[in-house]
Protein backbone atom coordinates (compact mmCIF):
# COMPACT_ATOMS: atom_id res chain seq x y z
CA MET A 1 10.81 -1.27 -31.96
CA GLN A 2 13.29 -2.81 -29.55
CA SER A 3 16.22 -0.87 -28.14
CA SER A 4 19.77 -2.08 -28.63
CA LEU A 5 20.19 -1.46 -24.91
CA LEU A 6 18.14 -4.57 -24.13
CA THR A 7 20.30 -6.46 -21.66
CA ALA A 8 21.02 -10.15 -21.44
CA ALA A 9 19.02 -10.29 -18.24
CA ILE A 10 15.86 -9.09 -19.98
CA ALA A 11 16.56 -11.37 -22.92
CA ALA A 12 16.74 -14.32 -20.56
CA LEU A 13 13.17 -13.68 -19.49
CA PHE A 14 11.95 -14.09 -23.05
CA ALA A 15 14.12 -17.12 -23.78
CA GLY A 16 13.29 -20.69 -22.77
CA SER A 17 15.41 -22.47 -20.21
CA VAL A 18 15.57 -25.88 -18.60
CA CYS A 19 14.21 -26.05 -15.07
CA ALA A 20 16.68 -27.16 -12.39
CA GLN A 21 15.95 -28.33 -8.83
CA GLY A 22 17.21 -26.17 -6.00
CA ALA A 23 19.34 -27.34 -3.07
CA MET A 24 16.22 -28.54 -1.27
CA SER A 25 13.62 -30.85 -2.71
CA ALA A 26 10.57 -29.08 -1.27
CA PRO A 27 8.84 -26.55 -3.51
CA CYS A 28 9.29 -22.90 -2.58
CA PHE A 29 5.59 -22.20 -3.01
CA VAL A 30 2.60 -24.52 -3.41
CA SER A 31 -0.09 -23.10 -5.67
CA GLN A 32 -2.63 -25.84 -4.83
CA PHE A 33 -4.12 -24.12 -1.80
CA GLY A 34 -6.69 -26.87 -1.16
CA THR A 35 -9.68 -26.18 1.10
CA ASN A 36 -10.84 -22.68 1.94
CA LEU A 37 -11.25 -22.64 5.73
CA GLN A 38 -13.79 -19.80 5.44
CA LEU A 39 -12.31 -18.02 8.44
CA GLY A 40 -13.82 -14.74 9.54
CA ASP A 41 -12.27 -12.18 11.85
CA ASP A 42 -10.62 -13.71 14.94
CA GLN A 43 -11.59 -17.31 14.16
CA VAL A 44 -9.89 -20.71 14.44
CA ALA A 45 -10.35 -23.79 12.23
CA GLN A 46 -9.93 -26.79 14.54
CA GLY A 47 -9.03 -30.46 14.13
CA LEU A 48 -7.44 -30.29 10.67
CA ALA A 49 -6.02 -33.74 9.92
CA LEU A 50 -2.47 -33.70 8.55
CA GLY A 51 -2.55 -37.24 7.16
CA PHE A 52 0.84 -37.92 8.78
CA THR A 53 2.59 -37.45 12.10
CA PHE A 54 4.36 -34.15 12.49
CA VAL A 55 6.96 -34.16 15.24
CA GLY A 56 6.63 -30.66 16.62
CA PRO A 57 8.52 -28.81 19.34
CA ALA A 58 6.38 -30.37 22.08
CA GLY A 59 6.00 -33.82 20.54
CA PRO A 60 4.11 -35.56 17.72
CA VAL A 61 0.74 -34.28 16.44
CA THR A 62 -1.59 -35.52 13.73
CA THR A 63 -4.01 -32.57 13.72
CA ILE A 64 -3.57 -28.80 13.93
CA ASP A 65 -5.74 -25.74 14.58
CA VAL A 66 -5.33 -22.69 12.33
CA SER A 67 -6.00 -19.12 13.50
CA SER A 68 -7.02 -16.33 11.14
CA ASN A 69 -4.46 -14.21 13.00
CA GLY A 70 -1.43 -15.79 11.35
CA PHE A 71 -0.45 -18.82 13.40
CA VAL A 72 -1.04 -22.57 13.91
CA TRP A 73 -1.75 -24.31 17.20
CA LEU A 74 0.10 -27.63 17.56
CA ALA A 75 -2.57 -28.51 20.10
CA SER A 76 -6.30 -28.07 20.46
CA SER A 77 -7.39 -24.46 21.08
CA ALA A 78 -10.17 -22.20 19.85
CA ASN A 79 -8.27 -19.09 20.97
CA SER A 80 -7.63 -16.83 17.94
CA ALA A 81 -5.24 -14.74 20.10
CA CYS A 82 -6.36 -11.31 18.92
CA CYS A 83 -4.95 -8.71 18.58
CA ASN A 84 -1.28 -8.10 19.42
CA ALA A 85 1.42 -10.72 19.88
CA THR A 86 3.26 -10.87 23.19
CA VAL A 87 6.38 -12.84 24.01
CA ALA A 88 4.97 -13.81 27.42
CA GLN A 89 1.88 -15.46 25.91
CA PHE A 90 4.00 -17.11 23.25
CA LEU A 91 6.32 -18.72 25.82
CA THR A 92 3.68 -19.73 28.37
CA GLY A 93 0.84 -20.82 26.09
CA LEU A 94 0.29 -23.97 24.06
CA PRO A 95 2.80 -25.09 21.41
CA ARG A 96 2.45 -23.21 18.15
CA ILE A 97 4.10 -22.01 14.97
CA ALA A 98 3.57 -18.30 14.30
CA MET A 99 3.86 -17.07 10.74
CA GLN A 100 2.88 -13.51 11.53
CA TRP A 101 0.92 -13.56 14.75
CA THR A 102 -0.92 -10.25 14.64
CA ASP A 103 -4.44 -8.99 13.90
CA LEU A 104 -5.13 -10.24 10.38
CA TYR A 105 -8.51 -9.69 8.76
CA PRO A 106 -9.68 -12.25 6.16
CA PRO A 107 -13.04 -10.45 5.66
CA GLY A 108 -11.01 -7.52 4.31
CA ASN A 109 -10.26 -9.47 1.14
CA GLY A 110 -8.45 -12.79 1.31
CA ASP A 111 -8.87 -16.30 2.69
CA VAL A 112 -7.02 -18.91 4.72
CA TRP A 113 -6.48 -22.28 3.03
CA PHE A 114 -5.39 -25.80 4.04
CA ASN A 115 -4.10 -28.70 1.95
CA THR A 116 -2.29 -32.00 2.51
CA PHE A 117 -0.12 -34.12 0.22
CA PRO A 118 0.68 -37.81 0.77
CA ALA A 119 4.17 -39.22 0.52
CA THR A 120 5.48 -40.23 -2.91
CA PRO A 121 8.51 -42.31 -3.93
CA THR A 122 10.51 -39.08 -4.19
CA SER A 123 9.08 -36.90 -1.38
CA GLY A 124 7.58 -37.17 2.07
CA ALA A 125 4.10 -36.20 3.18
CA SER A 126 3.35 -32.54 3.80
CA ALA A 127 0.66 -30.04 4.77
CA VAL A 128 0.30 -26.47 3.53
CA ILE A 129 -1.44 -23.55 5.24
CA THR A 130 -1.79 -20.34 3.18
CA TRP A 131 -2.98 -16.92 4.25
CA ALA A 132 -3.70 -15.62 0.73
CA ASP A 133 -4.17 -11.87 0.22
CA VAL A 134 -5.15 -11.39 3.87
CA PRO A 135 -4.62 -7.79 5.09
CA GLU A 136 -3.65 -6.54 8.50
CA ILE A 137 -6.82 -5.10 10.01
CA GLY A 138 -7.13 -1.37 9.42
CA THR A 139 -5.16 -1.52 6.15
CA SER A 140 -5.86 -2.41 2.52
CA ASN A 141 -2.43 -3.99 2.06
CA LEU A 142 -2.98 -7.53 0.73
CA GLN A 143 -0.31 -10.03 1.73
CA THR A 144 0.32 -13.74 1.24
CA MET A 145 2.12 -16.10 3.62
CA GLN A 146 2.53 -19.87 3.38
CA LEU A 147 3.52 -22.43 6.01
CA GLN A 148 4.60 -25.93 4.92
CA LEU A 149 4.89 -28.79 7.42
CA PHE A 150 6.84 -31.94 6.48
CA ASP A 151 6.77 -35.45 7.91
CA ASP A 152 10.43 -35.28 8.94
CA GLY A 153 9.61 -32.57 11.47
CA SER A 154 10.94 -29.70 9.38
CA PHE A 155 8.83 -26.78 8.19
CA SER A 156 9.16 -23.65 6.06
CA MET A 157 7.69 -20.12 6.17
CA LEU A 158 7.29 -18.05 3.01
CA PHE A 159 6.37 -14.35 2.97
CA ASP A 160 5.59 -12.49 -0.23
CA ALA A 161 6.99 -9.05 -0.99
CA ARG A 162 3.86 -7.26 0.24
CA VAL A 163 3.95 -8.48 3.84
CA THR A 164 4.06 -5.56 6.28
CA ASN A 165 3.06 -4.78 9.86
CA THR A 166 1.82 -1.23 10.26
CA PHE A 167 -0.11 -0.93 13.51
CA HIS A 168 0.52 -4.00 15.66
CA ASP A 169 3.00 -6.11 17.58
CA ALA A 170 3.64 -9.14 15.37
CA LEU A 171 5.62 -12.29 16.11
CA ILE A 172 7.22 -14.99 13.97
CA GLY A 173 8.59 -18.23 15.36
CA VAL A 174 8.02 -21.62 16.97
CA THR A 175 7.69 -22.72 20.58
CA GLN A 176 6.83 -25.72 22.69
CA GLY A 177 5.10 -23.29 25.11
CA GLY A 178 4.44 -24.17 28.74
CA ALA A 179 7.07 -21.85 30.24
CA ALA A 180 9.52 -22.21 27.36
CA THR A 181 12.94 -20.61 27.56
CA ALA A 182 13.16 -17.32 25.65
CA ASN A 183 15.28 -17.33 22.48
CA ALA A 184 14.83 -14.14 20.42
CA ILE A 185 16.78 -13.86 17.15
CA ASP A 186 17.04 -11.49 14.20
CA PHE A 187 15.48 -13.35 11.27
CA SER A 188 16.69 -10.78 8.77
CA ALA A 189 20.28 -11.75 9.63
CA THR A 190 19.62 -15.48 9.35
CA GLY A 191 20.85 -16.87 6.03
CA THR A 192 22.26 -20.01 4.48
CA ALA A 193 25.74 -18.73 5.29
CA SER A 194 24.76 -17.78 8.85
CA PRO A 195 22.08 -20.19 10.11
CA HIS A 196 20.79 -20.05 13.66
CA ASN A 197 21.21 -23.20 15.77
CA SER A 198 18.83 -23.22 18.73
CA LEU A 199 20.64 -26.24 20.24
CA ALA A 200 18.35 -28.03 22.72
CA ASN A 201 15.75 -25.25 22.86
CA PRO A 202 12.99 -25.60 20.24
CA THR A 203 11.79 -22.03 20.85
CA VAL A 204 12.89 -19.45 18.25
CA TYR A 205 11.11 -16.15 17.64
CA GLU A 206 11.27 -12.43 16.78
CA LEU A 207 8.84 -9.72 17.88
CA PHE A 208 8.13 -6.79 15.54
CA GLN A 209 6.51 -3.59 16.80
CA ASN A 210 4.88 -1.60 13.99
CA SER A 211 7.59 -2.95 11.68
CA TRP A 212 8.52 -5.93 9.49
CA ASP A 213 11.83 -6.49 7.68
CA ILE A 214 11.52 -10.03 6.29
CA ALA A 215 9.15 -9.57 3.36
CA ASN A 216 9.83 -11.80 0.34
CA ARG A 217 11.85 -14.28 2.38
CA LEU A 218 11.56 -18.03 2.98
CA PHE A 219 12.87 -19.56 6.19
CA VAL A 220 13.40 -23.27 6.80
CA PHE A 221 13.38 -24.89 10.25
CA VAL A 222 15.22 -28.23 10.28
CA PRO A 223 15.42 -30.43 13.42
CA ASN A 224 19.04 -30.33 14.59
CA GLY A 225 19.07 -33.66 16.44
CA GLN A 226 19.48 -31.90 19.80
CA GLY A 227 15.83 -31.05 20.37
CA GLY A 228 15.95 -27.67 18.65
CA TYR A 229 16.16 -26.32 15.11
CA LEU A 230 18.62 -25.14 12.55
CA VAL A 231 17.06 -22.00 11.02
CA LEU A 232 18.19 -20.74 7.62
CA ASP A 233 16.74 -19.00 4.62
CA ARG A 234 16.39 -19.98 0.96
CA PRO A 235 17.24 -16.82 -0.97
CA ALA A 236 16.36 -18.43 -4.30
CA CYS A 237 12.74 -18.77 -3.15
CA ALA A 238 11.52 -15.27 -3.91
CA LEU A 239 7.78 -15.35 -4.56
CA ALA A 240 6.74 -13.75 -7.82
CA ASP A 241 5.03 -10.45 -7.18
CA VAL A 242 3.93 -7.21 -8.81
CA THR A 243 3.51 -3.73 -7.35
CA THR A 244 2.32 -0.54 -8.98
CA PHE A 245 3.86 2.87 -8.34
CA GLY A 246 3.39 6.41 -9.54
CA ILE A 247 0.42 7.57 -11.57
CA GLY A 248 -0.26 7.92 -15.26
CA CYS A 249 -1.48 10.90 -17.22
CA PRO A 250 -3.69 12.76 -17.71
CA LYS A 251 -3.34 13.26 -13.97
CA PRO A 252 -6.47 13.69 -11.88
CA ALA A 253 -7.10 17.14 -10.49
CA THR A 254 -6.17 16.10 -6.97
CA ALA A 255 -3.18 16.70 -4.74
CA TYR A 256 -3.01 16.21 -1.00
CA GLU A 257 -0.62 15.56 1.84
CA TRP A 258 -1.70 13.09 4.50
CA PHE A 259 -0.05 13.05 7.89
CA GLN A 260 -1.08 9.64 9.12
CA SER A 261 -0.74 9.45 12.89
CA PRO A 262 1.77 9.27 14.49
CA THR A 263 3.36 11.33 11.65
CA GLN A 264 3.37 14.99 12.65
CA ILE A 265 2.19 17.77 10.35
CA ASP A 266 5.12 20.02 9.31
CA LEU A 267 3.30 23.10 7.97
CA SER A 268 3.31 25.47 10.98
CA ASN A 269 3.90 29.12 9.99
CA THR A 270 4.06 28.33 6.27
CA ALA A 271 1.76 28.73 3.27
CA ILE A 272 1.18 26.89 -0.02
CA GLU A 273 0.15 28.82 -3.12
CA PHE A 274 -1.88 26.95 -5.77
CA ASN A 275 -1.40 28.82 -9.06
CA PRO A 276 -3.36 27.79 -12.17
CA ALA A 277 -1.13 26.04 -14.73
CA ALA A 278 -1.22 26.84 -18.44
CA GLY A 279 -2.50 23.39 -19.39
CA GLY A 280 -4.99 23.23 -16.52
CA GLY A 281 -4.60 22.17 -12.91
CA TYR A 282 -2.24 23.91 -10.51
CA VAL A 283 1.36 24.29 -9.52
CA ALA A 284 1.56 24.26 -5.71
CA VAL A 285 4.59 26.01 -4.19
CA PRO A 286 5.48 26.97 -0.61
CA VAL A 287 5.30 30.74 0.00
CA PRO A 288 4.90 33.13 2.94
CA GLY A 289 1.59 34.86 3.56
CA PHE A 290 -1.45 34.93 5.85
CA PHE A 291 -4.60 37.10 5.81
CA THR A 292 -4.98 38.73 9.23
CA GLY A 293 -8.05 40.89 8.68
CA TYR A 294 -10.56 38.31 9.88
CA THR A 295 -13.57 39.85 11.58
CA ALA A 296 -16.70 37.93 10.56
CA SER A 297 -16.87 34.91 12.86
CA SER A 298 -19.57 32.26 13.07
CA VAL A 299 -20.42 30.03 16.01
CA PHE A 300 -19.80 26.42 15.05
CA GLN A 301 -20.73 23.33 17.02
CA ASP A 302 -18.75 20.10 16.97
CA ASP A 303 -18.80 18.32 13.58
CA GLN A 304 -20.91 20.98 11.90
CA VAL A 305 -21.11 22.37 8.34
CA GLN A 306 -22.52 25.85 7.70
CA GLY A 307 -23.35 27.65 4.49
CA PRO A 308 -23.77 28.83 1.88
CA PHE A 309 -21.18 31.59 2.17
CA ASN A 310 -21.20 33.82 -0.92
CA LEU A 311 -17.77 34.55 -2.37
CA GLY A 312 -18.72 37.71 -4.27
CA PHE A 313 -17.08 36.33 -7.45
CA THR A 314 -16.91 33.12 -9.47
CA PHE A 315 -14.18 30.75 -8.38
CA ALA A 316 -13.23 28.42 -11.25
CA TYR A 317 -11.40 25.15 -10.53
CA PRO A 318 -10.68 21.98 -12.52
CA GLY A 319 -14.03 20.35 -13.13
CA GLY A 320 -16.30 23.22 -12.17
CA SER A 321 -16.86 26.68 -10.72
CA THR A 322 -18.79 28.14 -7.83
CA THR A 323 -19.96 31.43 -6.31
CA ALA A 324 -20.58 30.02 -2.83
CA ILE A 325 -19.09 27.44 -0.46
CA ASP A 326 -19.93 25.48 2.69
CA ILE A 327 -17.53 25.45 5.66
CA SER A 328 -16.91 22.45 7.89
CA SER A 329 -15.78 22.85 11.47
CA ASN A 330 -13.27 20.08 10.72
CA GLY A 331 -10.91 22.23 8.68
CA PHE A 332 -12.16 22.10 5.06
CA ILE A 333 -14.63 23.65 2.62
CA TRP A 334 -17.04 22.15 0.11
CA LEU A 335 -16.75 23.89 -3.25
CA GLN A 336 -20.44 23.35 -4.00
CA PRO A 337 -22.92 24.40 -1.30
CA GLY A 338 -25.53 22.00 0.03
CA ASN A 339 -23.21 19.30 1.37
CA PHE A 340 -23.48 19.08 5.15
CA ASN A 341 -21.15 16.14 5.78
CA SER A 342 -18.58 17.34 8.34
CA ARG A 343 -16.37 14.26 7.62
CA CYS A 344 -15.49 13.52 11.22
CA CYS A 345 -12.99 12.51 12.42
CA ASP A 346 -9.76 11.97 10.46
CA GLY A 347 -8.45 12.97 7.08
CA ASP A 348 -8.81 10.02 4.74
CA PRO A 349 -7.40 9.90 1.17
CA THR A 350 -10.02 7.50 -0.20
CA THR A 351 -12.87 9.67 1.04
CA PHE A 352 -11.12 12.82 -0.18
CA VAL A 353 -10.81 11.67 -3.80
CA THR A 354 -14.28 10.10 -4.03
CA ASP A 355 -16.30 12.84 -2.32
CA PRO A 356 -17.40 15.98 -4.20
CA ALA A 357 -14.87 18.77 -4.81
CA SER A 358 -13.31 20.24 -1.69
CA ILE A 359 -10.28 22.09 -0.34
CA ALA A 360 -8.80 20.96 2.96
CA ALA A 361 -6.72 23.36 5.01
CA LEU A 362 -6.49 21.03 8.02
CA TRP A 363 -9.03 18.22 7.73
CA MET A 364 -9.12 16.39 11.04
CA ASP A 365 -11.29 16.44 14.15
CA LEU A 366 -11.38 20.07 15.26
CA TYR A 367 -13.51 21.18 18.21
CA PRO A 368 -14.85 24.76 18.05
CA PRO A 369 -16.79 24.44 21.34
CA GLY A 370 -13.41 24.03 23.02
CA GLY A 371 -12.15 27.46 21.97
CA GLY A 372 -11.10 29.65 19.08
CA SER A 373 -13.28 30.87 16.19
CA ILE A 374 -14.06 30.18 12.54
CA TYR A 375 -14.21 33.20 10.22
CA PHE A 376 -15.44 33.93 6.71
CA ASP A 377 -14.27 37.28 5.29
CA THR A 378 -14.23 38.80 1.82
CA THR A 379 -12.06 41.49 0.27
CA PRO A 380 -12.17 42.64 -3.39
CA GLY A 381 -11.55 39.54 -5.48
CA GLU A 382 -10.78 37.31 -2.48
CA ALA A 383 -12.53 35.20 0.16
CA HIS A 384 -10.82 34.03 3.36
CA ILE A 385 -11.81 31.11 5.59
CA THR A 386 -9.93 30.98 8.89
CA TRP A 387 -9.88 28.43 11.68
CA LEU A 388 -8.25 30.51 14.43
CA ASN A 389 -7.00 28.71 17.55
CA VAL A 390 -9.57 25.92 17.20
CA PRO A 391 -8.40 22.96 19.29
CA GLU A 392 -7.97 19.40 18.16
CA TYR A 393 -10.70 17.27 19.70
CA PHE A 394 -11.18 17.01 22.69
CA ASN A 395 -8.76 19.13 24.67
CA GLY A 396 -5.91 19.11 22.17
CA PRO A 397 -3.66 21.99 21.12
CA ALA A 398 -5.05 25.06 19.34
CA GLN A 399 -4.86 25.01 15.52
CA THR A 400 -4.76 27.94 13.10
CA ALA A 401 -5.27 27.37 9.38
CA GLN A 402 -6.65 29.42 6.51
CA ILE A 403 -7.92 29.10 2.94
CA THR A 404 -7.85 32.11 0.59
CA LEU A 405 -9.83 31.84 -2.68
CA ARG A 406 -9.29 34.34 -5.49
CA ALA A 407 -11.29 35.47 -8.52
CA ASN A 408 -8.37 34.55 -10.82
CA GLY A 409 -8.73 30.86 -9.87
CA SER A 410 -5.70 30.67 -7.58
CA PHE A 411 -5.92 29.84 -3.89
CA ARG A 412 -3.66 29.63 -0.84
CA LEU A 413 -3.45 27.40 2.21
CA ALA A 414 -1.79 29.22 5.11
CA TYR A 415 -0.92 28.12 8.63
CA GLY A 416 -0.18 29.46 12.05
CA ALA A 417 0.58 26.88 14.72
CA VAL A 418 -0.67 23.42 13.71
CA SER A 419 -0.02 20.01 15.22
CA ASN A 420 -1.71 16.66 15.68
CA THR A 421 -1.62 14.60 18.84
CA SER A 422 -4.08 11.81 18.07
CA HIS A 423 -5.49 12.41 14.57
CA SER A 424 -4.37 12.14 10.93
CA PRO A 425 -4.76 15.54 9.22
CA LEU A 426 -5.05 15.90 5.44
CA VAL A 427 -4.47 19.09 3.42
CA GLY A 428 -4.96 19.76 -0.29
CA PHE A 429 -7.37 20.08 -3.23
CA THR A 430 -9.53 17.56 -5.04
CA GLN A 431 -11.86 17.80 -8.00
CA GLY A 432 -13.53 14.80 -6.39
CA ILE A 433 -15.85 12.10 -7.68
CA ALA A 434 -13.24 10.50 -9.98
CA GLY A 435 -11.93 8.26 -7.20
CA ILE A 436 -8.34 8.17 -8.49
CA ASP A 437 -5.80 8.46 -5.69
CA PRO A 438 -2.49 10.06 -6.78
CA GLY A 439 -0.88 9.35 -3.41
CA SER A 440 0.37 11.77 -0.79
CA SER A 441 2.59 14.69 -1.87
CA ASP A 442 5.08 16.76 0.12
CA PHE A 443 3.85 20.34 -0.15
CA SER A 444 6.62 21.78 2.02
CA ALA A 445 9.22 20.48 -0.46
CA GLY A 446 7.33 21.87 -3.50
CA PRO A 447 6.55 22.34 -6.26
CA VAL A 448 3.67 19.87 -6.52
CA ILE A 449 1.88 19.52 -9.86
CA VAL A 450 -1.89 19.17 -9.66
CA GLY A 451 -3.29 17.58 -12.81
CA SER A 452 -5.84 19.21 -15.08
CA GLY A 453 -8.28 16.34 -14.60
CA GLY A 454 -9.09 13.23 -16.55
CA THR A 455 -8.59 9.48 -16.29
CA PRO A 456 -4.93 8.41 -16.30
CA LEU A 457 -3.66 5.51 -18.38
CA GLN A 458 -3.38 2.46 -16.14
CA LEU A 459 -1.03 -0.55 -16.14
CA ASP A 460 -1.48 -3.55 -13.88
CA ALA A 461 -1.16 -7.32 -13.82
CA GLN A 462 -4.07 -9.27 -15.23
CA THR A 463 -6.09 -10.72 -12.37
CA GLY A 464 -4.37 -13.87 -11.12
CA SER A 465 -1.23 -13.40 -13.24
CA ARG A 466 2.19 -13.22 -11.59
CA PRO A 467 5.70 -13.16 -13.11
CA ALA A 468 6.35 -16.75 -12.04
CA LEU A 469 9.08 -18.89 -13.54
CA GLY A 470 7.92 -21.04 -16.43
CA THR A 471 4.71 -19.07 -17.02
CA THR A 472 3.43 -16.40 -19.36
CA PHE A 473 2.97 -13.19 -17.43
CA VAL A 474 0.13 -10.95 -18.61
CA MET A 475 -0.16 -7.22 -17.97
CA GLU A 476 -3.17 -5.12 -18.92
CA VAL A 477 -3.29 -1.54 -20.21
CA ASP A 478 -6.56 0.07 -19.21
CA GLN A 479 -8.34 3.43 -19.20
CA ILE A 480 -7.14 4.04 -22.75
CA ALA A 481 -8.20 7.45 -24.08
CA PRO A 482 -10.52 7.49 -27.13
CA GLY A 483 -8.63 8.01 -30.38
CA SER A 484 -5.46 6.27 -29.20
CA LEU A 485 -3.67 4.59 -32.11
CA LEU A 486 -0.82 2.48 -30.75
CA GLY A 487 0.63 1.12 -27.52
CA ILE A 488 4.26 1.36 -26.40
CA MET A 489 5.70 -0.72 -23.56
CA VAL A 490 8.81 0.49 -21.74
CA LEU A 491 10.83 -2.22 -19.96
CA GLY A 492 13.59 -1.10 -17.65
CA LEU A 493 16.07 -2.57 -15.23
CA ASN A 494 15.45 0.32 -12.84
CA ALA A 495 12.42 2.22 -11.63
CA VAL A 496 12.55 6.02 -11.79
CA GLN A 497 11.28 7.33 -8.46
CA PRO A 498 10.40 10.11 -8.22
CA GLY A 499 9.34 10.15 -11.84
CA PHE A 500 11.12 12.23 -14.47
CA ASP A 501 8.90 15.15 -15.52
CA LEU A 502 8.18 15.03 -19.26
CA SER A 503 6.66 18.52 -19.52
CA ALA A 504 9.69 19.84 -21.41
CA LEU A 505 9.08 17.21 -24.11
CA GLY A 506 5.51 18.37 -24.67
CA MET A 507 3.86 16.00 -22.17
CA PRO A 508 2.80 18.20 -19.21
CA GLY A 509 1.72 16.22 -16.18
CA CYS A 510 3.32 13.00 -17.50
CA GLU A 511 6.33 11.25 -15.98
CA LEU A 512 8.88 8.63 -17.04
CA LEU A 513 8.84 5.91 -14.37
CA ALA A 514 11.18 3.22 -15.78
CA THR A 515 14.56 3.34 -17.49
CA LEU A 516 14.44 2.98 -21.28
CA ASP A 517 16.21 -0.38 -21.61
CA ALA A 518 13.64 -1.75 -24.06
CA LEU A 519 10.78 -0.27 -26.09
CA LEU A 520 8.16 -2.57 -27.61
CA THR A 521 5.15 -1.48 -29.64
CA PHE A 522 1.82 -3.34 -29.56
CA PRO A 523 -1.66 -2.88 -31.06
CA LEU A 524 -4.45 -1.57 -28.87
CA ALA A 525 -7.30 -4.05 -28.70
CA GLY A 526 -9.77 -2.16 -26.56
CA ALA A 527 -9.76 -1.51 -22.83
CA PRO A 528 -8.15 -3.37 -21.29
CA THR A 529 -5.48 -4.43 -23.81
CA PRO A 530 -3.31 -7.38 -22.69
CA PHE A 531 0.46 -7.41 -23.06
CA SER A 532 2.11 -10.75 -22.33
CA PHE A 533 5.53 -12.37 -22.40
CA PRO A 534 6.88 -15.78 -21.34
CA ILE A 535 9.27 -16.09 -18.41
CA ALA A 536 11.95 -18.77 -18.61
CA ASN A 537 11.76 -21.68 -16.21
CA ASN A 538 15.22 -20.90 -14.84
CA PRO A 539 15.66 -20.79 -11.04
CA ALA A 540 18.64 -18.47 -11.52
CA LEU A 541 16.14 -15.74 -12.46
CA ALA A 542 14.37 -15.91 -9.08
CA GLY A 543 14.62 -12.53 -7.41
CA PHE A 544 15.23 -10.64 -10.67
CA SER A 545 13.37 -7.30 -10.87
CA LEU A 546 12.00 -5.67 -14.00
CA HIS A 547 9.98 -2.48 -14.32
CA ALA A 548 7.40 -1.52 -16.92
CA GLN A 549 5.44 1.51 -18.05
CA ALA A 550 2.91 1.73 -20.87
CA ALA A 551 2.29 4.64 -23.20
CA THR A 552 -0.24 5.31 -25.95
CA VAL A 553 0.01 7.36 -29.11
CA THR A 554 -3.00 9.62 -28.59
CA PRO A 555 -3.23 12.55 -31.05
CA GLY A 556 -4.28 15.76 -29.32
CA ALA A 557 -3.48 14.45 -25.83
CA ASN A 558 -0.72 17.04 -25.51
CA PRO A 559 1.82 18.65 -27.89
CA LEU A 560 3.71 15.35 -28.27
CA GLY A 561 0.54 13.25 -28.54
CA LEU A 562 1.48 10.66 -25.89
CA TYR A 563 -0.05 9.53 -22.63
CA THR A 564 1.88 7.46 -20.07
CA SER A 565 0.71 4.99 -17.43
CA ASN A 566 1.74 4.34 -13.87
CA GLY A 567 4.76 2.11 -13.31
CA LEU A 568 4.66 -1.64 -12.60
CA SER A 569 7.49 -3.44 -10.78
CA MET A 570 7.79 -7.18 -11.37
CA LEU A 571 9.69 -9.52 -9.10
CA VAL A 572 10.39 -12.81 -10.89
CA GLY A 573 10.04 -15.86 -8.69
CA PHE A 574 8.03 -18.95 -7.89
């Protein structure tokens, strides 16, 4: 059924519309990427013929060199310029155009492409360089950027909504090099109503340090007749994009908090109680408490696992039970003995959810040879594992953390003084193996719901499909539970973050992630099941956001008989 609350904006997406040209004749985004340059890490493709003369900031060129690290030489150079941008090198080096000069890593997923287009009766010649789904090294964040060069000396830079800069100094801009005059600007403030005129200086740039605030923007550089450029944006040129958020149900039996350096852990002198929930899993809440009767210490070396340590009772947890554990010097326990991987040297969410079941009190690189002790003590119905004043590797501050396991299936993480100077600690519980990452929680804010286990319903874009104007966008509903009878698609004008807990409606562990502006039913045709709709070819819709969440009618799933998926945000564009 379809809600009467369906707005005109959503209706416009389903209705046909006549395409209209924008204020500029050049396309916002060219989908014909051309030739894959097959660039590896820190490589340059040299001598790429444009097929026309491009009048750049230092004079005319007919060939360019393309670096994997997000820029184009307007001269001949094999220097890939890894790994951080600097203004000094930008101004004194060879002429170049920097899209996002940083340490990009094509082997991590994507590719760098090059294409040329000859002049036609209605348009000039152009060349297109695309960094497609190329992540910043050290991240899994895929991002697409496209540079277009035109035979009138103008050029454009397009960044999709995923472009970020997490760990590096990154630079965008153009320069003639050779001791150019500095001219730093704020690109985020540069718009059609407030263009930047560089007058006689063709150098324009901005340096970002572990930041980036111009995602999903397109900037045009037009020669101003004085030797410099007029720089403005094209706000109607949003690039179609999709992002997932939240997690579906049934939720995996995993919850963690990751303090990625330089983020500081905030759990000193606190505790988190994990109480078994009625439907399975846990409810994690902050509480006071710390076991101080530790007496039975063991001598641990660096990066060492010892065990088995017998609990004296059966500890049941989602997905299994155990009577013994192994202890790692690096602040965690294995819930099944016989695993001697100490997991040096940083907490890592991907490893946490894919490894066997474990509980992390303070998983990072701890160094018992540097001081402190590790204890295993039992009392009636309880077992206590304590890292007391064990320093962070090598000569870092002392850390005190503790895990208490109980015969009733509950457990507690408790802390004395904890900090991190150079590592990324992770704390929490995982059933393991499933490999489904629920994302980092905030235990100190509590409560945090830990799922009972299972494979959550999943919603994502079909591979290669984007909500582009004039196309049919296809989503896919996957990981559908056996016995599911019908699909429901929620379309909303707003995302609900954090999600609205549906436990009171008979759906424990499930969340509403999009406003209920439209509800559409659809048949389930296996896993995955496609759900598609046409998007009007109307430039006025560029930049419009819509949010979706799938649900299935699954008898026996919970009292209401419904499972929900993660959320999917769609940005309509080119």
